[in-house]
Each structure stands twice: as structure tokens, then as C-alpha cells.
Amino acid sequence: MEQSFSVKNFRSIYDLDLRNRGDLERKYFEKAYGERLKIRNTKKLKYRIFSRCKKSLITKERYERRVALIRKLLEKRKDRYNNYVNNEIERICNKVNRKGYKLPLDKLPNQISSKDVFTIGKSVESVFVTRHLHNIIKSTYDIKQSHRDLIVSRVKSICLDKSPKYIVKADVKDFYESIEHELIIKKLHSSTRLSVLPKRILTQLLRSYASLVGVDKGLPRGVGLSAYLSEVYMRDLDDELGNSPDLTFYSRYVDDLILIYSPDIIKNKSFYLQAIKEASDRKKLQLNNKTKEIDLTVNKSQEFEYLGYRFSFKGKEIVIRISCKRVDKYKKRIDQAFDNYLKKCKYNPEENGCLLIDKIRFLTGNTRLLHAKSKAFTGVYFNNMYINDVSDLKELDEYLKTKLLAITDQRLLRRLNKFSFVEGFEKKVFRSFSTADLKI
């Protein structure tokens, strides 16, 4: 793809965001946003005049004269709108194409999960540069980020096939912090398809990170580009592990790897894990203590967790449940909902009661996300669709009942008693929420 930081390329990013109902225009292009609202109102006026003509409230001649004027006004406003957009994008391009421009990397004051988190700020220049770099990296290295549901679906299908298997589920220790700058920079600069400006900005981002942390290793968590750079870095490891002997299935979701082997002859079991460790070592990566081997060539009870699911093998029976971590996450969200209500209910019981109901409705049901870009479904069924055992959902229902003991408002209690994780899953209960509701 054409990689320059040009008005044409940045306008494509702007137009795509507009089609996907993003907020670039509203946040950064104030004049253009105002003009688009005027265009929208002018179009509404045109429809109102058409409606009046259809009802014979105005003559056809008067309708045609007014429509002709509106068309001219629309043309002027569209020209003005495009000028506002292109002038602002040209200003952005001039700034980012100056010698010495770099993404403004900073470390945030608070850690998340005991890890440092970074930001490149929210300036319009950073937004356009990062989005364009995403497109360049995806195109140059043909990056297709793994889809969690597709991976779980494949793993489930393979596990339900009862032929003997040997599974290694591995996690990379401190994944983002372990990526060697020397190796990733070498990979970027050796590409003949990557132009000079993207190479320079990406290299400068890594140097800014090294300056902040004091070591030439790692990618900044919290910066979207890190996910794409990590995929570039891991490409060689994916290729090597994906061509392993006896391999039936290989997948990686960020730092979670799963390899399923179907050996014709049972080898020394340590052979597979050792090969994975050696391949990881060559990329300067270490596997952590969550790495697990599951030997399905022998008849014994075993289990492993992967991408939010718990796979349990008991003889020929295979049970798929929600992972312990995800169950705990549900309980934590229930706790937060009730704690928030109990803390505030005496000041405004009606409003906070409704808020509690909405949170439990959301947790126990399913909904369609309103963002046009994704059009995704989410909820207790869609987030756990591959389980074949609902015992964890029954446990969550019991947990919810214990929390209800603290509710003294009988009307609120009756309403909350109607909600169930099991019912939301088994009946795929759908509930509607506004955009404002989903942000709470």
C-alpha cells in the first residue's frame, strides 16, 4: 500500500471512521462537524417540502423552485465541509511530516495488573499516525489477528474427537516486556516493503520506551501499535511451531499458545515442550509457570484452561466449563454492583435501584453492541457459548441469591429475583440497552 503520510491517506482514515460512526470528526474537526449538522438539517428540510407537496399543501412549481435552491445550498455546504476537513488534515500532515516528529510516549501514573501502562496521548496527530501505521503494518506483514471464538471452536472440535492427543498449553512470561528491540528493529529495517518514514517513527517509539524504562527491551502496554509490533515479532516463532512434527493444531492469542499433537508413535513426552522452549529461547522469550502439558494418550482425569474456558477430561468424557478466572470476574462485577447500590441507596434509592437492575440485567442476559463497526453480540451466552456444562452458571445464580439477602426494598427484591445466569444462557435472553447504559 501507499505509505506516505499524505492528505489522501489521512482522508481515507477520516472517511472510514465516519462510515463506522466513530468520533474523530466530533472530537477533532469542530467546524466540519458543525457544517455536517447543517447539511443534515438541510436534507431534512428537503424531505419536509416534498411531504408538503405530496399532501398538496404547496404547488409543484413552488416545490421545484425551493428544491432547486436547497440543492444549491447543499452543494455550497458540502464544498465548505470538504474544505474544512481537507484543510485540517493538511495541517496535520504538515506537522507529522516535519523532521524530528515522533509519537509522544509517556508512562501513566497507575499500573494495571502490576504492569506499567503507557500512552501516546490523544492529540489528533497521534490518532492519524497510529491508525495509518496500523494499516501499513497489517498490509506489509499480512497480519490477521486471531479471533478468540474461532480458536476456542477449533480446540473444542479437536478435543471432542476422542483420538489420542498430547496438548501443550503455554503462556509467554511478561510477553510485552520481553520483546527485544534489537530483533524487532532488525526485522522492521530489513523489510524492503516498509518505507523510510514508518521505520523511523516506529524505531523512535521503541527508543522513547527504552528511555522511559531504562532497558532496550519491551513494548509499551496501552499503546495500540504494540499489538501489531508483537505480531511482527512473533511471526517467525509461529512459523516454526506451526511446522512442528506430529502437530494437529497450533494457535496463539497474544501470549497464549496452544499446540495439539497426534503422534503415530508415543515419543518421549518431554520432546514437545522442550522443542517449544528452545524455539521461544531463540526469540528471547520465556514460558511462565502457567504452561501445562495434557497427555490424552493415557486414561486419567486432566484439565486445562484456555481463553476463558476450562476443558476437563475424565476418561472418554469431555466437559467444557467457564474458566475459574472468568467465574471470579463475574462475581467481582456482581459485588461491585451491589456495593455501589448499598453505598448510595439511602440518598437516591429509586435511581440507584434502577442502576442495579440494569447491571444485573446486563450480566445475566445478552445484547447487541450498538457500534456499527463491530455489530457484535455479547452476554452470558455469547461470551460462553462453547460450554457444555452450566454448573458454573448455577453457582453464579446461587451467589447472586446470597447478595439479594442485603436488599430490604421488597419491590426491588422481586424484580432482581427474576434474573438468572442459567436462564440467560439456555434461553439466549436478549435485552436492549442504550449507548449511555453500556458506558455505566
Protein backbone atom coordinates (compact mmCIF):
# COMPACT_ATOMS: atom_id res chain seq x y z
CA MET A 1 0.00 0.00 0.00
CA GLU A 2 0.96 3.64 -0.46
CA GLN A 3 2.60 4.54 2.87
CA SER A 4 3.13 8.31 2.80
CA PHE A 5 1.57 10.48 5.50
CA SER A 6 -0.45 12.32 2.86
CA VAL A 7 -3.78 14.16 2.79
CA LYS A 8 -5.19 11.38 0.60
CA ASN A 9 -4.25 8.61 3.07
CA PHE A 10 -5.36 10.53 6.13
CA ARG A 11 -8.64 11.47 4.43
CA SER A 12 -9.27 7.74 3.86
CA ILE A 13 -8.82 7.17 7.60
CA TYR A 14 -11.23 10.04 8.32
CA ASP A 15 -13.88 8.75 5.90
CA LEU A 16 -13.65 5.19 7.22
CA ASP A 17 -14.10 6.42 10.78
CA LEU A 18 -17.15 8.41 9.66
CA ARG A 19 -18.70 5.35 7.99
CA ASN A 20 -18.10 3.32 11.14
CA ARG A 21 -19.73 6.04 13.26
CA GLY A 22 -16.52 6.83 15.06
CA ASP A 23 -15.86 10.06 16.92
CA LEU A 24 -12.91 11.54 15.01
CA GLU A 25 -15.00 14.26 13.42
CA ARG A 26 -16.90 15.20 16.56
CA LYS A 27 -13.74 15.31 18.73
CA TYR A 28 -11.21 16.92 16.40
CA PHE A 29 -13.00 18.57 13.43
CA GLU A 30 -15.34 21.03 15.12
CA LYS A 31 -16.05 23.21 12.07
CA ALA A 32 -16.62 20.19 9.82
CA TYR A 33 -18.91 18.59 12.40
CA GLY A 34 -20.96 21.79 12.65
CA GLU A 35 -21.23 22.00 8.87
CA ARG A 36 -22.34 18.36 8.61
CA LEU A 37 -25.14 19.05 11.08
CA LYS A 38 -26.25 21.93 8.84
CA ILE A 39 -26.16 19.58 5.81
CA ARG A 40 -28.27 17.06 7.70
CA ASN A 41 -30.83 19.73 8.64
CA THR A 42 -30.94 20.99 5.06
CA LYS A 43 -31.72 17.48 3.81
CA LYS A 44 -34.50 17.20 6.39
CA LEU A 45 -35.93 20.45 5.08
CA LYS A 46 -35.93 18.98 1.57
CA TYR A 47 -37.91 15.95 2.78
CA ARG A 48 -40.39 18.17 4.64
CA ILE A 49 -41.03 20.21 1.49
CA PHE A 50 -41.51 17.01 -0.50
CA SER A 51 -44.01 15.82 2.09
CA ARG A 52 -45.95 19.10 1.86
CA CYS A 53 -46.01 18.84 -1.93
CA LYS A 54 -47.26 15.26 -1.74
CA LYS A 55 -50.10 16.39 0.53
CA SER A 56 -50.90 19.21 -1.93
CA LEU A 57 -50.07 21.85 0.67
CA ILE A 58 -47.81 23.61 -1.86
CA THR A 59 -47.83 23.63 -5.64
CA LYS A 60 -45.44 21.54 -7.71
CA GLU A 61 -43.86 24.67 -9.17
CA ARG A 62 -43.20 26.11 -5.70
CA TYR A 63 -41.79 22.73 -4.61
CA GLU A 64 -39.38 22.59 -7.58
CA ARG A 65 -38.19 26.18 -7.01
CA ARG A 66 -37.49 25.53 -3.34
CA VAL A 67 -35.77 22.20 -4.05
CA ALA A 68 -33.52 23.88 -6.63
CA LEU A 69 -32.46 26.43 -4.02
CA ILE A 70 -31.86 23.69 -1.44
CA ARG A 71 -29.67 21.74 -3.90
CA LYS A 72 -27.50 24.80 -4.47
CA LEU A 73 -27.27 25.35 -0.71
CA LEU A 74 -26.32 21.69 -0.18
CA GLU A 75 -23.56 21.92 -2.81
CA LYS A 76 -22.12 25.01 -1.10
CA ARG A 77 -22.27 23.40 2.32
CA LYS A 78 -20.68 20.16 1.05
CA ASP A 79 -17.86 22.16 -0.56
CA ARG A 80 -17.39 24.10 2.67
CA TYR A 81 -17.45 20.85 4.66
CA ASN A 82 -14.77 19.23 2.47
CA ASN A 83 -12.61 22.34 2.67
CA TYR A 84 -12.79 22.31 6.47
CA VAL A 85 -11.83 18.62 6.56
CA ASN A 86 -9.03 18.81 3.98
CA ASN A 87 -7.51 21.98 5.43
CA GLU A 88 -7.33 20.44 8.89
CA ILE A 89 -5.91 17.18 7.53
CA GLU A 90 -3.32 19.15 5.53
CA ARG A 91 -2.29 20.93 8.74
CA ILE A 92 -1.93 17.54 10.47
CA CYS A 93 0.14 16.14 7.58
CA ASN A 94 2.47 19.15 7.60
CA LYS A 95 3.10 18.66 11.30
CA VAL A 96 3.80 14.89 11.23
CA ASN A 97 5.99 15.12 8.10
CA ARG A 98 8.37 17.58 9.74
CA LYS A 99 11.82 16.29 10.52
CA GLY A 100 12.04 15.13 14.11
CA TYR A 101 8.35 14.30 14.59
CA LYS A 102 7.80 11.39 16.98
CA LEU A 103 4.89 9.89 18.86
CA PRO A 104 4.76 11.48 22.35
CA LEU A 105 5.12 8.42 24.61
CA ASP A 106 4.54 8.83 28.36
CA LYS A 107 4.12 6.45 31.29
CA LEU A 108 0.81 6.64 33.15
CA PRO A 109 0.98 7.11 36.94
CA ASN A 110 -1.04 3.99 37.81
CA GLN A 111 -0.25 0.39 36.97
CA ILE A 112 -2.78 -2.16 35.71
CA SER A 113 -2.40 -5.75 36.98
CA SER A 114 1.02 -4.76 38.39
CA LYS A 115 2.24 -3.72 34.92
CA ASP A 116 3.32 -0.25 33.77
CA VAL A 117 0.96 1.28 31.21
CA PHE A 118 1.86 3.91 28.61
CA THR A 119 0.09 6.43 26.41
CA ILE A 120 0.85 8.41 23.27
CA GLY A 121 -1.77 10.98 24.24
CA LYS A 122 -4.99 11.92 22.48
CA SER A 123 -3.79 14.53 20.03
CA VAL A 124 -5.29 14.35 16.55
CA GLU A 125 -1.78 13.87 15.09
CA SER A 126 -1.18 10.77 17.23
CA VAL A 127 -4.55 9.32 16.24
CA PHE A 128 -3.93 9.62 12.49
CA VAL A 129 -0.29 8.47 12.66
CA THR A 130 -1.10 5.36 14.72
CA ARG A 131 -4.07 4.39 12.57
CA HIS A 132 -2.04 4.78 9.39
CA LEU A 133 0.81 2.76 10.90
CA HIS A 134 -1.69 0.03 11.87
CA ASN A 135 -2.78 -0.16 8.22
CA ILE A 136 0.81 -0.18 6.95
CA ILE A 137 1.94 -2.97 9.29
CA LYS A 138 -1.15 -5.08 8.59
CA SER A 139 -0.62 -4.72 4.84
CA THR A 140 3.16 -5.14 4.84
CA TYR A 141 3.26 -8.21 7.07
CA ASP A 142 -0.19 -9.60 6.21
CA ILE A 143 -1.20 -9.59 9.87
CA LYS A 144 -4.52 -11.18 10.75
CA GLN A 145 -5.03 -11.06 14.48
CA SER A 146 -6.51 -14.26 15.87
CA HIS A 147 -10.21 -14.42 16.70
CA ARG A 148 -10.82 -15.83 20.19
CA ASP A 149 -14.10 -17.59 19.36
CA LEU A 150 -12.69 -19.28 16.25
CA ILE A 151 -9.74 -20.62 18.23
CA VAL A 152 -11.95 -21.99 21.02
CA SER A 153 -14.30 -23.55 18.45
CA ARG A 154 -11.39 -25.40 16.80
CA VAL A 155 -9.95 -26.54 20.14
CA LYS A 156 -13.36 -27.82 21.23
CA SER A 157 -13.86 -29.77 17.98
CA ILE A 158 -10.43 -31.37 18.19
CA CYS A 159 -10.85 -32.25 21.88
CA LEU A 160 -14.26 -33.84 21.25
CA ASP A 161 -12.56 -36.12 18.75
CA LYS A 162 -11.53 -38.84 21.17
CA SER A 163 -8.36 -39.96 19.37
CA PRO A 164 -5.13 -39.91 21.49
CA LYS A 165 -3.55 -36.47 21.72
CA TYR A 166 -0.86 -34.59 23.53
CA ILE A 167 -1.62 -30.95 24.32
CA VAL A 168 0.76 -28.22 25.40
CA LYS A 169 -0.86 -25.03 26.63
CA ALA A 170 1.87 -22.40 27.13
CA ASP A 171 2.00 -18.77 28.25
CA VAL A 172 4.87 -16.40 27.49
CA LYS A 173 6.21 -14.77 30.64
CA ASP A 174 5.99 -10.93 30.65
CA PHE A 175 5.24 -11.01 26.93
CA TYR A 176 5.30 -7.30 26.03
CA GLU A 177 8.21 -6.58 28.37
CA SER A 178 10.33 -9.38 26.85
CA ILE A 179 10.43 -8.34 23.20
CA GLU A 180 13.99 -7.46 22.23
CA HIS A 181 14.38 -4.10 20.49
CA GLU A 182 17.40 -5.24 18.52
CA LEU A 183 15.44 -8.11 16.97
CA ILE A 184 12.25 -6.17 16.20
CA ILE A 185 14.17 -3.17 14.75
CA LYS A 186 16.24 -5.52 12.59
CA LYS A 187 13.05 -7.12 11.32
CA LEU A 188 11.47 -3.74 10.52
CA HIS A 189 14.54 -2.31 8.79
CA SER A 190 15.21 -5.45 6.75
CA SER A 191 11.81 -5.17 5.07
CA THR A 192 12.02 -3.75 1.56
CA ARG A 193 8.25 -3.16 1.58
CA LEU A 194 8.30 -0.81 4.57
CA SER A 195 9.12 2.80 3.65
CA VAL A 196 11.54 5.09 5.50
CA LEU A 197 9.06 7.25 7.46
CA PRO A 198 7.17 4.37 9.14
CA LYS A 199 10.52 2.73 10.01
CA ARG A 200 11.74 5.96 11.58
CA ILE A 201 8.62 6.63 13.67
CA LEU A 202 8.40 3.02 14.91
CA THR A 203 12.11 2.98 15.79
CA GLN A 204 11.73 6.28 17.63
CA LEU A 205 8.77 4.88 19.58
CA LEU A 206 10.92 1.96 20.77
CA ARG A 207 13.75 4.34 21.73
CA SER A 208 11.34 6.54 23.69
CA TYR A 209 10.13 3.45 25.54
CA ALA A 210 13.70 2.34 26.27
CA SER A 211 14.46 5.81 27.64
CA LEU A 212 11.45 5.64 29.98
CA VAL A 213 12.10 2.13 31.34
CA GLY A 214 15.90 2.11 31.18
CA VAL A 215 16.30 -1.06 29.12
CA ASP A 216 16.36 -1.83 25.37
CA LYS A 217 13.60 -4.38 25.64
CA GLY A 218 9.80 -4.41 25.65
CA LEU A 219 6.79 -2.79 24.02
CA PRO A 220 4.63 -0.14 25.71
CA ARG A 221 1.42 -1.61 27.14
CA GLY A 222 -1.63 0.53 26.44
CA VAL A 223 -0.39 1.68 23.02
CA GLY A 224 -2.30 0.07 20.15
CA LEU A 225 0.79 -0.21 17.93
CA SER A 226 2.35 -2.65 20.41
CA ALA A 227 -0.17 -5.36 19.49
CA TYR A 228 0.81 -5.07 15.81
CA LEU A 229 4.55 -4.94 16.52
CA SER A 230 4.27 -8.03 18.73
CA GLU A 231 2.61 -9.89 15.84
CA VAL A 232 5.53 -8.93 13.57
CA TYR A 233 7.97 -10.13 16.23
CA MET A 234 6.17 -13.46 16.73
CA ARG A 235 5.80 -14.33 13.05
CA ASP A 236 8.98 -16.43 12.96
CA LEU A 237 8.03 -18.33 16.12
CA ASP A 238 4.53 -19.00 14.75
CA ASP A 239 6.03 -20.36 11.52
CA GLU A 240 8.46 -22.61 13.37
CA LEU A 241 5.98 -24.00 15.87
CA GLY A 242 3.28 -24.36 13.23
CA ASN A 243 5.55 -26.75 11.31
CA SER A 244 6.35 -28.96 14.30
CA PRO A 245 6.36 -32.76 13.81
CA ASP A 246 3.08 -34.57 14.71
CA LEU A 247 1.26 -31.25 15.06
CA THR A 248 -2.52 -31.30 14.50
CA PHE A 249 -3.33 -27.76 15.60
CA TYR A 250 -1.42 -24.63 16.60
CA SER A 251 -2.76 -21.24 17.61
CA ARG A 252 -1.62 -18.21 19.54
CA TYR A 253 -3.77 -15.49 21.06
CA VAL A 254 -1.35 -12.70 22.04
CA ASP A 255 0.85 -14.58 24.57
CA ASP A 256 -1.31 -17.72 25.00
CA LEU A 257 -0.14 -20.64 22.87
CA ILE A 258 -1.81 -23.99 22.36
CA LEU A 259 -0.30 -26.90 20.45
CA ILE A 260 -2.14 -30.19 19.91
CA TYR A 261 -0.12 -33.19 18.74
CA SER A 262 -1.37 -36.51 17.41
CA PRO A 263 1.72 -38.72 17.34
CA ASP A 264 1.69 -42.04 15.45
CA ILE A 265 4.21 -43.43 17.91
CA ILE A 266 4.32 -42.25 21.52
CA LYS A 267 7.63 -40.46 21.92
CA ASN A 268 9.35 -39.17 24.99
CA LYS A 269 6.68 -36.71 26.20
CA SER A 270 9.23 -34.07 27.17
CA PHE A 271 10.23 -33.79 23.50
CA TYR A 272 7.32 -31.48 22.60
CA LEU A 273 7.63 -28.99 25.46
CA GLN A 274 11.40 -28.91 25.09
CA ALA A 275 11.07 -28.03 21.40
CA ILE A 276 8.66 -25.18 22.28
CA LYS A 277 11.04 -23.86 24.94
CA GLU A 278 14.00 -23.94 22.55
CA ALA A 279 12.06 -22.10 19.83
CA SER A 280 10.94 -19.48 22.38
CA ASP A 281 14.51 -19.07 23.67
CA ARG A 282 15.66 -18.19 20.18
CA LYS A 283 13.22 -15.26 20.28
CA LYS A 284 14.49 -14.31 23.77
CA LEU A 285 11.14 -15.34 25.30
CA GLN A 286 10.46 -17.49 28.35
CA LEU A 287 7.44 -19.63 29.19
CA ASN A 288 5.84 -18.96 32.58
CA ASN A 289 4.61 -21.36 35.25
CA LYS A 290 1.10 -21.47 33.73
CA THR A 291 2.47 -23.69 30.97
CA LYS A 292 0.79 -27.08 31.15
CA GLU A 293 1.01 -30.45 29.42
CA ILE A 294 -2.10 -32.61 28.97
CA ASP A 295 -1.42 -36.20 27.98
CA LEU A 296 -4.57 -37.66 26.43
CA THR A 297 -2.75 -40.80 25.35
CA VAL A 298 -3.34 -42.13 28.88
CA ASN A 299 -6.69 -42.63 30.61
CA LYS A 300 -6.71 -40.26 33.59
CA SER A 301 -8.54 -37.11 34.74
CA GLN A 302 -6.90 -33.93 33.47
CA GLU A 303 -7.89 -30.34 32.73
CA PHE A 304 -6.57 -27.05 31.41
CA GLU A 305 -7.90 -23.51 30.97
CA TYR A 306 -7.65 -21.58 27.75
CA LEU A 307 -9.19 -18.27 26.62
CA GLY A 308 -11.88 -18.20 29.30
CA TYR A 309 -12.82 -21.89 29.19
CA ARG A 310 -11.95 -24.90 31.35
CA PHE A 311 -11.51 -28.17 29.44
CA SER A 312 -11.82 -31.25 31.72
CA PHE A 313 -11.09 -34.80 30.56
CA LYS A 314 -12.48 -37.68 32.62
CA GLY A 315 -12.00 -40.93 30.77
CA LYS A 316 -13.83 -40.53 27.46
CA GLU A 317 -15.99 -37.69 28.80
CA ILE A 318 -15.02 -34.12 27.93
CA VAL A 319 -16.57 -31.31 29.97
CA ILE A 320 -16.18 -27.67 28.92
CA ARG A 321 -16.95 -25.09 31.58
CA ILE A 322 -16.25 -21.42 32.25
CA SER A 323 -12.71 -20.80 33.49
CA CYS A 324 -12.19 -20.10 37.19
CA LYS A 325 -10.83 -16.66 36.35
CA ARG A 326 -13.96 -15.75 34.39
CA VAL A 327 -16.26 -17.02 37.17
CA ASP A 328 -14.35 -14.83 39.64
CA LYS A 329 -14.70 -11.89 37.25
CA TYR A 330 -18.50 -12.34 37.17
CA LYS A 331 -18.58 -12.47 40.98
CA LYS A 332 -16.47 -9.33 41.21
CA ARG A 333 -18.85 -7.46 38.91
CA ILE A 334 -21.84 -8.63 40.98
CA ASP A 335 -20.05 -7.44 44.14
CA GLN A 336 -19.31 -4.04 42.58
CA ALA A 337 -22.94 -3.60 41.51
CA PHE A 338 -24.34 -4.39 44.95
CA ASP A 339 -21.64 -2.48 46.85
CA ASN A 340 -22.32 0.61 44.76
CA TYR A 341 -26.07 0.32 45.40
CA LEU A 342 -25.75 -0.23 49.16
CA LYS A 343 -23.38 2.71 49.45
CA LYS A 344 -25.69 5.15 47.65
CA CYS A 345 -29.23 3.80 48.06
CA LYS A 346 -30.14 5.96 51.06
CA TYR A 347 -29.54 9.16 49.06
CA ASN A 348 -31.47 8.25 45.93
CA PRO A 349 -32.99 4.75 46.27
CA GLU A 350 -35.09 4.85 43.09
CA GLU A 351 -32.27 5.89 40.73
CA ASN A 352 -29.68 3.58 42.29
CA GLY A 353 -32.15 0.70 42.35
CA CYS A 354 -32.72 1.11 38.60
CA LEU A 355 -28.95 1.23 38.05
CA LEU A 356 -28.51 -2.03 40.00
CA ILE A 357 -31.25 -3.69 37.95
CA ASP A 358 -29.61 -2.58 34.68
CA LYS A 359 -26.24 -4.01 35.76
CA ILE A 360 -27.73 -7.40 36.73
CA ARG A 361 -29.87 -7.41 33.56
CA PHE A 362 -26.69 -6.90 31.55
CA LEU A 363 -24.69 -9.61 33.39
CA THR A 364 -27.44 -12.25 33.15
CA GLY A 365 -28.59 -11.51 29.61
CA ASN A 366 -27.34 -10.84 26.09
CA THR A 367 -27.31 -7.74 23.92
CA ARG A 368 -26.08 -6.43 20.60
CA LEU A 369 -23.37 -3.81 20.78
CA LEU A 370 -24.58 -0.67 19.06
CA HIS A 371 -21.29 0.39 17.45
CA ALA A 372 -21.76 -0.08 13.70
CA LYS A 373 -18.13 -1.15 13.24
CA SER A 374 -18.48 -4.36 15.21
CA LYS A 375 -22.21 -5.18 15.31
CA ALA A 376 -21.14 -7.80 17.83
CA PHE A 377 -23.23 -9.75 20.29
CA THR A 378 -22.17 -10.01 23.90
CA GLY A 379 -23.56 -11.51 27.07
CA VAL A 380 -23.78 -14.63 29.19
CA TYR A 381 -24.46 -16.88 26.18
CA PHE A 382 -22.27 -15.25 23.53
CA ASN A 383 -19.28 -14.95 25.87
CA ASN A 384 -19.54 -18.61 26.99
CA MET A 385 -21.18 -20.30 24.00
CA TYR A 386 -18.84 -23.31 23.89
CA ILE A 387 -19.56 -24.69 27.38
CA ASN A 388 -21.45 -27.98 27.67
CA ASP A 389 -21.85 -27.82 31.46
CA VAL A 390 -23.76 -25.00 33.19
CA SER A 391 -22.69 -25.82 36.77
CA ASP A 392 -20.67 -22.59 36.99
CA LEU A 393 -23.71 -20.59 35.93
CA LYS A 394 -25.77 -22.32 38.62
CA GLU A 395 -23.05 -21.34 41.09
CA LEU A 396 -23.34 -17.73 39.92
CA ASP A 397 -27.12 -17.85 40.40
CA GLU A 398 -26.60 -19.05 43.97
CA TYR A 399 -24.01 -16.32 44.52
CA LEU A 400 -26.48 -13.73 43.23
CA LYS A 401 -29.13 -15.02 45.67
CA THR A 402 -26.76 -14.53 48.61
CA LYS A 403 -26.24 -10.90 47.56
CA LEU A 404 -30.02 -10.37 47.47
CA LEU A 405 -30.17 -11.00 51.21
CA ALA A 406 -28.82 -7.47 51.72
CA ILE A 407 -31.74 -5.87 49.79
CA THR A 408 -34.51 -4.56 52.05
CA ASP A 409 -36.62 -2.89 49.34
CA GLN A 410 -39.18 -5.64 48.60
CA ARG A 411 -40.19 -4.23 45.21
CA LEU A 412 -36.56 -4.10 44.11
CA LEU A 413 -36.00 -7.61 45.51
CA ARG A 414 -38.91 -9.04 43.48
CA ARG A 415 -37.50 -7.51 40.29
CA LEU A 416 -33.96 -8.77 40.93
CA ASN A 417 -35.23 -12.29 41.72
CA LYS A 418 -36.34 -12.64 38.09
CA PHE A 419 -32.78 -12.66 36.75
CA SER A 420 -30.78 -15.85 36.21
CA PHE A 421 -27.45 -16.66 34.56
CA VAL A 422 -28.65 -20.15 33.61
CA GLU A 423 -31.84 -18.84 32.01
CA GLY A 424 -29.96 -16.08 30.18
CA PHE A 425 -27.61 -18.70 28.76
CA GLU A 426 -30.03 -21.50 27.92
CA LYS A 427 -32.79 -19.27 26.51
CA LYS A 428 -30.37 -16.74 24.99
CA VAL A 429 -32.34 -13.94 26.63
CA PHE A 430 -31.86 -10.64 24.76
CA ARG A 431 -32.13 -7.27 26.45
CA SER A 432 -31.87 -3.77 24.99
CA PHE A 433 -29.50 -1.11 26.31
CA SER A 434 -28.79 2.40 25.12
CA THR A 435 -25.26 3.61 24.40
CA ALA A 436 -25.39 5.58 27.65
CA ASP A 437 -26.41 2.44 29.58
CA LEU A 438 -23.44 0.48 28.22
CA LYS A 439 -20.99 3.18 29.36
CA ILE A 440 -22.07 2.92 33.03
